[in-house]
Amino acid sequence: MSERVRAHGWVSGRVQGVWFRESTRRRAQELGVSGWVRNLADGRVEVDFVGSRASVEAAIEFVRTGPPHAQVGAVEGFEIEPASGAEANAEEAFLIR
């Protein structure tokens, strides 16, 4: 099994009300990435990805564009670091919070 990594970040722009969370969940599941996505009160979307380096990188690339009706303005965070503790052993589930 390859080393699991984690990336956490925020996406701003027109990212709420455009199926961003559901599209991110579907893409993460396709990639075998676990974690979660949620809307924030300030209009941004917060995302946490855990999986193999290649899968997490692909998930980050997806949120840089988002689904067809999204207009991503900025992507912050998403530094890739080793997953630790429970993150490293998490089930392959990706949740919408």
PDB file of N, CA and C in Angstrom:
ATOM      1  N   MET A   1       0.844  -1.185   0.000  1.00  0.00           N
ATOM      2  CA  MET A   1       0.000   0.000   0.000  1.00  0.00           C
ATOM      3  C   MET A   1       0.886   1.245   0.000  1.00  0.00           C
ATOM      4  N   SER A   2       0.554   2.220  -0.837  1.00  0.00           N
ATOM      5  CA  SER A   2       1.350   3.433  -0.897  1.00  0.00           C
ATOM      6  C   SER A   2       1.069   4.312   0.318  1.00  0.00           C
ATOM      7  N   GLU A   3       2.020   5.164   0.615  1.00  0.00           N
ATOM      8  CA  GLU A   3       1.867   6.083   1.741  1.00  0.00           C
ATOM      9  C   GLU A   3       0.655   6.988   1.515  1.00  0.00           C
ATOM     10  N   ARG A   4      -0.118   7.180   2.567  1.00  0.00           N
ATOM     11  CA  ARG A   4      -1.286   8.055   2.475  1.00  0.00           C
ATOM     12  C   ARG A   4      -0.890   9.465   2.873  1.00  0.00           C
ATOM     13  N   VAL A   5      -1.412  10.435   2.132  1.00  0.00           N
ATOM     14  CA  VAL A   5      -1.137  11.843   2.388  1.00  0.00           C
ATOM     15  C   VAL A   5      -2.454  12.572   2.628  1.00  0.00           C
ATOM     16  N   ARG A   6      -2.322  13.788   3.139  1.00  0.00           N
ATOM     17  CA  ARG A   6      -3.494  14.619   3.432  1.00  0.00           C
ATOM     18  C   ARG A   6      -3.273  16.004   2.840  1.00  0.00           C
ATOM     19  N   ALA A   7      -4.362  16.595   2.353  1.00  0.00           N
ATOM     20  CA  ALA A   7      -4.339  17.980   1.881  1.00  0.00           C
ATOM     21  C   ALA A   7      -5.645  18.634   2.314  1.00  0.00           C
ATOM     22  N   HIS A   8      -5.542  19.835   2.843  1.00  0.00           N
ATOM     23  CA  HIS A   8      -6.700  20.562   3.357  1.00  0.00           C
ATOM     24  C   HIS A   8      -6.658  21.962   2.766  1.00  0.00           C
ATOM     25  N   GLY A   9      -7.805  22.441   2.274  1.00  0.00           N
ATOM     26  CA  GLY A   9      -7.791  23.770   1.690  1.00  0.00           C
ATOM     27  C   GLY A   9      -9.168  24.358   1.503  1.00  0.00           C
ATOM     28  N   TRP A  10      -9.193  25.535   0.887  1.00  0.00           N
ATOM     29  CA  TRP A  10     -10.410  26.306   0.698  1.00  0.00           C
ATOM     30  C   TRP A  10     -10.505  26.769  -0.747  1.00  0.00           C
ATOM     31  N   VAL A  11     -11.722  26.774  -1.261  1.00  0.00           N
ATOM     32  CA  VAL A  11     -11.979  27.183  -2.635  1.00  0.00           C
ATOM     33  C   VAL A  11     -12.986  28.323  -2.589  1.00  0.00           C
ATOM     34  N   SER A  12     -12.690  29.409  -3.297  1.00  0.00           N
ATOM     35  CA  SER A  12     -13.615  30.542  -3.334  1.00  0.00           C
ATOM     36  C   SER A  12     -14.000  30.854  -4.765  1.00  0.00           C
ATOM     37  N   GLY A  13     -15.003  31.696  -4.900  1.00  0.00           N
ATOM     38  CA  GLY A  13     -15.569  32.049  -6.193  1.00  0.00           C
ATOM     39  C   GLY A  13     -17.039  31.683  -6.183  1.00  0.00           C
ATOM     40  N   ARG A  14     -17.559  31.333  -7.333  1.00  0.00           N
ATOM     41  CA  ARG A  14     -18.953  30.858  -7.406  1.00  0.00           C
ATOM     42  C   ARG A  14     -18.912  29.339  -7.210  1.00  0.00           C
ATOM     43  N   VAL A  15     -18.887  28.931  -5.931  1.00  0.00           N
ATOM     44  CA  VAL A  15     -18.701  27.521  -5.600  1.00  0.00           C
ATOM     45  C   VAL A  15     -19.812  26.954  -4.712  1.00  0.00           C
ATOM     46  N   GLN A  16     -20.806  27.763  -4.393  1.00  0.00           N
ATOM     47  CA  GLN A  16     -21.953  27.264  -3.651  1.00  0.00           C
ATOM     48  C   GLN A  16     -23.186  27.376  -4.533  1.00  0.00           C
ATOM     49  N   GLY A  17     -24.064  26.375  -4.436  1.00  0.00           N
ATOM     50  CA  GLY A  17     -25.273  26.365  -5.252  1.00  0.00           C
ATOM     51  C   GLY A  17     -25.039  25.917  -6.683  1.00  0.00           C
ATOM     52  N   VAL A  18     -23.890  25.281  -6.938  1.00  0.00           N
ATOM     53  CA  VAL A  18     -23.545  24.828  -8.298  1.00  0.00           C
ATOM     54  C   VAL A  18     -23.116  23.360  -8.306  1.00  0.00           C
ATOM     55  N   TRP A  19     -23.516  22.598  -7.297  1.00  0.00           N
ATOM     56  CA  TRP A  19     -23.199  21.174  -7.172  1.00  0.00           C
ATOM     57  C   TRP A  19     -21.712  20.918  -6.940  1.00  0.00           C
ATOM     58  N   PHE A  20     -21.023  21.894  -6.363  1.00  0.00           N
ATOM     59  CA  PHE A  20     -19.591  21.744  -6.117  1.00  0.00           C
ATOM     60  C   PHE A  20     -19.307  20.614  -5.131  1.00  0.00           C
ATOM     61  N   ARG A  21     -20.026  20.584  -4.006  1.00  0.00           N
ATOM     62  CA  ARG A  21     -19.769  19.550  -3.000  1.00  0.00           C
ATOM     63  C   ARG A  21     -20.064  18.155  -3.540  1.00  0.00           C
ATOM     64  N   GLU A  22     -21.206  17.986  -4.189  1.00  0.00           N
ATOM     65  CA  GLU A  22     -21.565  16.660  -4.720  1.00  0.00           C
ATOM     66  C   GLU A  22     -20.588  16.228  -5.808  1.00  0.00           C
ATOM     67  N   SER A  23     -20.206  17.135  -6.674  1.00  0.00           N
ATOM     68  CA  SER A  23     -19.245  16.796  -7.726  1.00  0.00           C
ATOM     69  C   SER A  23     -17.886  16.431  -7.138  1.00  0.00           C
ATOM     70  N   THR A  24     -17.486  17.138  -6.097  1.00  0.00           N
ATOM     71  CA  THR A  24     -16.223  16.828  -5.428  1.00  0.00           C
ATOM     72  C   THR A  24     -16.307  15.457  -4.761  1.00  0.00           C
ATOM     73  N   ARG A  25     -17.428  15.155  -4.121  1.00  0.00           N
ATOM     74  CA  ARG A  25     -17.609  13.848  -3.485  1.00  0.00           C
ATOM     75  C   ARG A  25     -17.510  12.733  -4.518  1.00  0.00           C
ATOM     76  N   ARG A  26     -18.197  12.904  -5.643  1.00  0.00           N
ATOM     77  CA  ARG A  26     -18.164  11.874  -6.688  1.00  0.00           C
ATOM     78  C   ARG A  26     -16.757  11.666  -7.232  1.00  0.00           C
ATOM     79  N   ARG A  27     -16.049  12.766  -7.490  1.00  0.00           N
ATOM     80  CA  ARG A  27     -14.687  12.651  -8.031  1.00  0.00           C
ATOM     81  C   ARG A  27     -13.760  11.987  -7.013  1.00  0.00           C
ATOM     82  N   ALA A  28     -13.896  12.370  -5.752  1.00  0.00           N
ATOM     83  CA  ALA A  28     -13.072  11.765  -4.704  1.00  0.00           C
ATOM     84  C   ALA A  28     -13.330  10.265  -4.618  1.00  0.00           C
ATOM     85  N   GLN A  29     -14.573   9.861  -4.693  1.00  0.00           N
ATOM     86  CA  GLN A  29     -14.894   8.437  -4.647  1.00  0.00           C
ATOM     87  C   GLN A  29     -14.292   7.699  -5.842  1.00  0.00           C
ATOM     88  N   GLU A  30     -14.361   8.312  -7.021  1.00  0.00           N
ATOM     89  CA  GLU A  30     -13.754   7.699  -8.210  1.00  0.00           C
ATOM     90  C   GLU A  30     -12.257   7.493  -8.017  1.00  0.00           C
ATOM     91  N   LEU A  31     -11.626   8.430  -7.322  1.00  0.00           N
ATOM     92  CA  LEU A  31     -10.181   8.393  -7.119  1.00  0.00           C
ATOM     93  C   LEU A  31      -9.771   7.554  -5.906  1.00  0.00           C
ATOM     94  N   GLY A  32     -10.741   7.122  -5.098  1.00  0.00           N
ATOM     95  CA  GLY A  32     -10.426   6.372  -3.887  1.00  0.00           C
ATOM     96  C   GLY A  32      -9.898   7.247  -2.772  1.00  0.00           C
ATOM     97  N   VAL A  33     -10.309   8.514  -2.767  1.00  0.00           N
ATOM     98  CA  VAL A  33      -9.868   9.483  -1.760  1.00  0.00           C
ATOM     99  C   VAL A  33     -10.932   9.576  -0.678  1.00  0.00           C
ATOM    100  N   SER A  34     -10.506   9.602   0.579  1.00  0.00           N
ATOM    101  CA  SER A  34     -11.441   9.813   1.681  1.00  0.00           C
ATOM    102  C   SER A  34     -11.332  11.255   2.145  1.00  0.00           C
ATOM    103  N   GLY A  35     -12.241  11.641   3.043  1.00  0.00           N
ATOM    104  CA  GLY A  35     -12.224  13.002   3.573  1.00  0.00           C
ATOM    105  C   GLY A  35     -13.599  13.610   3.584  1.00  0.00           C
ATOM    106  N   TRP A  36     -13.653  14.923   3.374  1.00  0.00           N
ATOM    107  CA  TRP A  36     -14.936  15.614   3.432  1.00  0.00           C
ATOM    108  C   TRP A  36     -14.875  16.954   2.699  1.00  0.00           C
ATOM    109  N   VAL A  37     -16.068  17.499   2.453  1.00  0.00           N
ATOM    110  CA  VAL A  37     -16.230  18.813   1.832  1.00  0.00           C
ATOM    111  C   VAL A  37     -17.413  19.502   2.497  1.00  0.00           C
ATOM    112  N   ARG A  38     -17.326  20.820   2.690  1.00  0.00           N
ATOM    113  CA  ARG A  38     -18.449  21.551   3.290  1.00  0.00           C
ATOM    114  C   ARG A  38     -18.460  23.005   2.837  1.00  0.00           C
ATOM    115  N   ASN A  39     -19.664  23.581   2.824  1.00  0.00           N
ATOM    116  CA  ASN A  39     -19.836  25.002   2.546  1.00  0.00           C
ATOM    117  C   ASN A  39     -19.515  25.784   3.803  1.00  0.00           C
ATOM    118  N   LEU A  40     -18.948  26.967   3.632  1.00  0.00           N
ATOM    119  CA  LEU A  40     -18.699  27.879   4.745  1.00  0.00           C
ATOM    120  C   LEU A  40     -19.624  29.082   4.620  1.00  0.00           C
ATOM    121  N   ALA A  41     -19.896  29.717   5.727  1.00  0.00           N
ATOM    122  CA  ALA A  41     -20.812  30.869   5.756  1.00  0.00           C
ATOM    123  C   ALA A  41     -20.308  32.033   4.907  1.00  0.00           C
ATOM    124  N   ASP A  42     -18.992  32.119   4.679  1.00  0.00           N
ATOM    125  CA  ASP A  42     -18.438  33.229   3.895  1.00  0.00           C
ATOM    126  C   ASP A  42     -18.478  32.986   2.384  1.00  0.00           C
ATOM    127  N   GLY A  43     -19.108  31.868   1.960  1.00  0.00           N
ATOM    128  CA  GLY A  43     -19.248  31.581   0.535  1.00  0.00           C
ATOM    129  C   GLY A  43     -18.194  30.658  -0.025  1.00  0.00           C
ATOM    130  N   ARG A  44     -17.173  30.336   0.764  1.00  0.00           N
ATOM    131  CA  ARG A  44     -16.141  29.414   0.303  1.00  0.00           C
ATOM    132  C   ARG A  44     -16.573  27.965   0.554  1.00  0.00           C
ATOM    133  N   VAL A  45     -15.805  27.044  -0.017  1.00  0.00           N
ATOM    134  CA  VAL A  45     -15.964  25.618   0.238  1.00  0.00           C
ATOM    135  C   VAL A  45     -14.658  25.138   0.850  1.00  0.00           C
ATOM    136  N   GLU A  46     -14.754  24.369   1.931  1.00  0.00           N
ATOM    137  CA  GLU A  46     -13.597  23.797   2.604  1.00  0.00           C
ATOM    138  C   GLU A  46     -13.525  22.315   2.256  1.00  0.00           C
ATOM    139  N   VAL A  47     -12.318  21.835   1.963  1.00  0.00           N
ATOM    140  CA  VAL A  47     -12.151  20.447   1.521  1.00  0.00           C
ATOM    141  C   VAL A  47     -10.972  19.808   2.249  1.00  0.00           C
ATOM    142  N   ASP A  48     -11.123  18.528   2.588  1.00  0.00           N
ATOM    143  CA  ASP A  48     -10.068  17.749   3.212  1.00  0.00           C
ATOM    144  C   ASP A  48      -9.957  16.429   2.458  1.00  0.00           C
ATOM    145  N   PHE A  49      -8.799  16.151   1.867  1.00  0.00           N
ATOM    146  CA  PHE A  49      -8.567  14.932   1.090  1.00  0.00           C
ATOM    147  C   PHE A  49      -7.523  14.062   1.781  1.00  0.00           C
ATOM    148  N   VAL A  50      -7.743  12.731   1.812  1.00  0.00           N
ATOM    149  CA  VAL A  50      -6.756  11.779   2.314  1.00  0.00           C
ATOM    150  C   VAL A  50      -6.709  10.610   1.342  1.00  0.00           C
ATOM    151  N   GLY A  51      -5.511  10.242   0.918  1.00  0.00           N
ATOM    152  CA  GLY A  51      -5.359   9.113   0.004  1.00  0.00           C
ATOM    153  C   GLY A  51      -3.933   9.013  -0.491  1.00  0.00           C
ATOM    154  N   SER A  52      -3.734   8.284  -1.567  1.00  0.00           N
ATOM    155  CA  SER A  52      -2.397   8.199  -2.154  1.00  0.00           C
ATOM    156  C   SER A  52      -2.028   9.567  -2.725  1.00  0.00           C
ATOM    157  N   ARG A  53      -0.758   9.834  -2.844  1.00  0.00           N
ATOM    158  CA  ARG A  53      -0.317  11.136  -3.357  1.00  0.00           C
ATOM    159  C   ARG A  53      -0.932  11.431  -4.730  1.00  0.00           C
ATOM    160  N   ALA A  54      -0.894  10.471  -5.626  1.00  0.00           N
ATOM    161  CA  ALA A  54      -1.422  10.695  -6.976  1.00  0.00           C
ATOM    162  C   ALA A  54      -2.923  10.984  -6.942  1.00  0.00           C
ATOM    163  N   SER A  55      -3.662  10.276  -6.118  1.00  0.00           N
ATOM    164  CA  SER A  55      -5.112  10.483  -6.036  1.00  0.00           C
ATOM    165  C   SER A  55      -5.447  11.833  -5.413  1.00  0.00           C
ATOM    166  N   VAL A  56      -4.728  12.211  -4.358  1.00  0.00           N
ATOM    167  CA  VAL A  56      -4.962  13.510  -3.724  1.00  0.00           C
ATOM    168  C   VAL A  56      -4.618  14.637  -4.687  1.00  0.00           C
ATOM    169  N   GLU A  57      -3.529  14.500  -5.426  1.00  0.00           N
ATOM    170  CA  GLU A  57      -3.171  15.526  -6.417  1.00  0.00           C
ATOM    171  C   GLU A  57      -4.255  15.657  -7.481  1.00  0.00           C
ATOM    172  N   ALA A  58      -4.815  14.532  -7.927  1.00  0.00           N
ATOM    173  CA  ALA A  58      -5.894  14.565  -8.921  1.00  0.00           C
ATOM    174  C   ALA A  58      -7.147  15.221  -8.345  1.00  0.00           C
ATOM    175  N   ALA A  59      -7.453  14.974  -7.077  1.00  0.00           N
ATOM    176  CA  ALA A  59      -8.614  15.596  -6.436  1.00  0.00           C
ATOM    177  C   ALA A  59      -8.426  17.111  -6.328  1.00  0.00           C
ATOM    178  N   ILE A  60      -7.213  17.528  -5.990  1.00  0.00           N
ATOM    179  CA  ILE A  60      -6.924  18.966  -5.919  1.00  0.00           C
ATOM    180  C   ILE A  60      -7.091  19.596  -7.296  1.00  0.00           C
ATOM    181  N   GLU A  61      -6.619  18.930  -8.324  1.00  0.00           N
ATOM    182  CA  GLU A  61      -6.784  19.455  -9.685  1.00  0.00           C
ATOM    183  C   GLU A  61      -8.258  19.619 -10.028  1.00  0.00           C
ATOM    184  N   PHE A  62      -9.095  18.682  -9.577  1.00  0.00           N
ATOM    185  CA  PHE A  62     -10.526  18.797  -9.850  1.00  0.00           C
ATOM    186  C   PHE A  62     -11.101  20.070  -9.232  1.00  0.00           C
ATOM    187  N   VAL A  63     -10.772  20.361  -7.962  1.00  0.00           N
ATOM    188  CA  VAL A  63     -11.375  21.541  -7.322  1.00  0.00           C
ATOM    189  C   VAL A  63     -10.817  22.850  -7.864  1.00  0.00           C
ATOM    190  N   ARG A  64      -9.706  22.813  -8.557  1.00  0.00           N
ATOM    191  CA  ARG A  64      -9.179  24.038  -9.178  1.00  0.00           C
ATOM    192  C   ARG A  64     -10.116  24.547 -10.279  1.00  0.00           C
ATOM    193  N   THR A  65     -10.917  23.645 -10.847  1.00  0.00           N
ATOM    194  CA  THR A  65     -11.881  24.005 -11.887  1.00  0.00           C
ATOM    195  C   THR A  65     -13.306  23.824 -11.396  1.00  0.00           C
ATOM    196  N   GLY A  66     -13.572  22.709 -10.718  1.00  0.00           N
ATOM    197  CA  GLY A  66     -14.909  22.412 -10.206  1.00  0.00           C
ATOM    198  C   GLY A  66     -15.840  21.928 -11.298  1.00  0.00           C
ATOM    199  N   PRO A  67     -17.118  21.765 -10.958  1.00  0.00           N
ATOM    200  CA  PRO A  67     -18.102  21.306 -11.933  1.00  0.00           C
ATOM    201  C   PRO A  67     -18.420  22.399 -12.958  1.00  0.00           C
ATOM    202  N   PRO A  68     -19.170  22.069 -14.000  1.00  0.00           N
ATOM    203  CA  PRO A  68     -19.410  23.007 -15.100  1.00  0.00           C
ATOM    204  C   PRO A  68     -19.950  24.387 -14.715  1.00  0.00           C
ATOM    205  N   HIS A  69     -20.827  24.493 -13.729  1.00  0.00           N
ATOM    206  CA  HIS A  69     -21.427  25.792 -13.400  1.00  0.00           C
ATOM    207  C   HIS A  69     -20.641  26.590 -12.369  1.00  0.00           C
ATOM    208  N   ALA A  70     -19.584  26.007 -11.833  1.00  0.00           N
ATOM    209  CA  ALA A  70     -18.744  26.709 -10.855  1.00  0.00           C
ATOM    210  C   ALA A  70     -17.815  27.682 -11.569  1.00  0.00           C
ATOM    211  N   GLN A  71     -17.429  28.698 -10.839  1.00  0.00           N
ATOM    212  CA  GLN A  71     -16.417  29.643 -11.309  1.00  0.00           C
ATOM    213  C   GLN A  71     -15.420  29.815 -10.172  1.00  0.00           C
ATOM    214  N   VAL A  72     -14.389  29.000 -10.181  1.00  0.00           N
ATOM    215  CA  VAL A  72     -13.400  29.019  -9.111  1.00  0.00           C
ATOM    216  C   VAL A  72     -12.566  30.282  -9.244  1.00  0.00           C
ATOM    217  N   GLY A  73     -12.522  31.057  -8.159  1.00  0.00           N
ATOM    218  CA  GLY A  73     -11.745  32.285  -8.150  1.00  0.00           C
ATOM    219  C   GLY A  73     -10.366  32.094  -7.554  1.00  0.00           C
ATOM    220  N   ALA A  74     -10.300  31.345  -6.455  1.00  0.00           N
ATOM    221  CA  ALA A  74      -9.027  31.120  -5.774  1.00  0.00           C
ATOM    222  C   ALA A  74      -9.055  29.784  -5.058  1.00  0.00           C
ATOM    223  N   VAL A  75      -7.891  29.189  -4.947  1.00  0.00           N
ATOM    224  CA  VAL A  75      -7.709  27.946  -4.206  1.00  0.00           C
ATOM    225  C   VAL A  75      -6.576  28.205  -3.226  1.00  0.00           C
ATOM    226  N   GLU A  76      -6.837  27.997  -1.926  1.00  0.00           N
ATOM    227  CA  GLU A  76      -5.848  28.248  -0.879  1.00  0.00           C
ATOM    228  C   GLU A  76      -5.569  26.967  -0.116  1.00  0.00           C
ATOM    229  N   GLY A  77      -4.368  26.865   0.392  1.00  0.00           N
ATOM    230  CA  GLY A  77      -3.998  25.694   1.183  1.00  0.00           C
ATOM    231  C   GLY A  77      -3.593  24.548   0.280  1.00  0.00           C
ATOM    232  N   PHE A  78      -4.042  23.353   0.616  1.00  0.00           N
ATOM    233  CA  PHE A  78      -3.789  22.132  -0.144  1.00  0.00           C
ATOM    234  C   PHE A  78      -2.315  21.760  -0.209  1.00  0.00           C
ATOM    235  N   GLU A  79      -1.537  22.103   0.840  1.00  0.00           N
ATOM    236  CA  GLU A  79      -0.180  21.570   0.924  1.00  0.00           C
ATOM    237  C   GLU A  79      -0.301  20.089   1.249  1.00  0.00           C
ATOM    238  N   ILE A  80       0.416  19.276   0.535  1.00  0.00           N
ATOM    239  CA  ILE A  80       0.338  17.827   0.737  1.00  0.00           C
ATOM    240  C   ILE A  80       1.342  17.430   1.814  1.00  0.00           C
ATOM    241  N   GLU A  81       0.831  16.726   2.832  1.00  0.00           N
ATOM    242  CA  GLU A  81       1.671  16.260   3.929  1.00  0.00           C
ATOM    243  C   GLU A  81       1.289  14.826   4.279  1.00  0.00           C
ATOM    244  N   PRO A  82       2.153  14.096   4.962  1.00  0.00           N
ATOM    245  CA  PRO A  82       1.814  12.720   5.329  1.00  0.00           C
ATOM    246  C   PRO A  82       0.573  12.687   6.221  1.00  0.00           C
ATOM    247  N   ALA A  83      -0.301  11.725   5.979  1.00  0.00           N
ATOM    248  CA  ALA A  83      -1.458  11.532   6.851  1.00  0.00           C
ATOM    249  C   ALA A  83      -0.953  10.857   8.118  1.00  0.00           C
ATOM    250  N   SER A  84      -1.565  11.193   9.249  1.00  0.00           N
ATOM    251  CA  SER A  84      -1.112  10.613  10.510  1.00  0.00           C
ATOM    252  C   SER A  84      -2.289  10.070  11.302  1.00  0.00           C
ATOM    253  N   GLY A  85      -1.992   9.207  12.228  1.00  0.00           N
ATOM    254  CA  GLY A  85      -2.999   8.672  13.136  1.00  0.00           C
ATOM    255  C   GLY A  85      -4.201   8.094  12.427  1.00  0.00           C
ATOM    256  N   ALA A  86      -5.390   8.524  12.840  1.00  0.00           N
ATOM    257  CA  ALA A  86      -6.642   8.012  12.289  1.00  0.00           C
ATOM    258  C   ALA A  86      -6.758   8.312  10.797  1.00  0.00           C
ATOM    259  N   GLU A  87      -6.190   9.446  10.352  1.00  0.00           N
ATOM    260  CA  GLU A  87      -6.257   9.794   8.925  1.00  0.00           C
ATOM    261  C   GLU A  87      -5.600   8.727   8.059  1.00  0.00           C
ATOM    262  N   ALA A  88      -4.477   8.211   8.528  1.00  0.00           N
ATOM    263  CA  ALA A  88      -3.728   7.233   7.747  1.00  0.00           C
ATOM    264  C   ALA A  88      -4.480   5.921   7.618  1.00  0.00           C
ATOM    265  N   ASN A  89      -5.364   5.626   8.549  1.00  0.00           N
ATOM    266  CA  ASN A  89      -6.092   4.371   8.543  1.00  0.00           C
ATOM    267  C   ASN A  89      -7.581   4.546   8.265  1.00  0.00           C
ATOM    268  N   ALA A  90      -7.977   5.710   7.812  1.00  0.00           N
ATOM    269  CA  ALA A  90      -9.398   6.006   7.598  1.00  0.00           C
ATOM    270  C   ALA A  90      -9.990   5.137   6.503  1.00  0.00           C
ATOM    271  N   GLU A  91     -11.289   4.901   6.608  1.00  0.00           N
ATOM    272  CA  GLU A  91     -12.011   4.179   5.573  1.00  0.00           C
ATOM    273  C   GLU A  91     -12.034   5.025   4.304  1.00  0.00           C
ATOM    274  N   GLU A  92     -12.315   4.392   3.199  1.00  0.00           N
ATOM    275  CA  GLU A  92     -12.367   5.099   1.924  1.00  0.00           C
ATOM    276  C   GLU A  92     -13.739   5.743   1.730  1.00  0.00           C
ATOM    277  N   ALA A  93     -14.106   6.634   2.612  1.00  0.00           N
ATOM    278  CA  ALA A  93     -15.376   7.343   2.503  1.00  0.00           C
ATOM    279  C   ALA A  93     -15.093   8.826   2.314  1.00  0.00           C
ATOM    280  N   PHE A  94     -15.905   9.479   1.517  1.00  0.00           N
ATOM    281  CA  PHE A  94     -15.799  10.912   1.338  1.00  0.00           C
ATOM    282  C   PHE A  94     -17.174  11.497   1.631  1.00  0.00           C
ATOM    283  N   LEU A  95     -17.238  12.404   2.599  1.00  0.00           N
ATOM    284  CA  LEU A  95     -18.517  12.897   3.100  1.00  0.00           C
ATOM    285  C   LEU A  95     -18.765  14.347   2.732  1.00  0.00           C
ATOM    286  N   ILE A  96     -20.031  14.673   2.577  1.00  0.00           N
ATOM    287  CA  ILE A  96     -20.466  16.057   2.469  1.00  0.00           C
ATOM    288  C   ILE A  96     -20.931  16.446   3.859  1.00  0.00           C
ATOM    289  N   ARG A  97     -20.332  17.465   4.416  1.00  0.00           N
ATOM    290  CA  ARG A  97     -20.711  17.909   5.762  1.00  0.00           C
ATOM    291  C   ARG A  97     -21.647  19.081   5.690  1.00  0.00           C
TER     292      ARG A  97
END
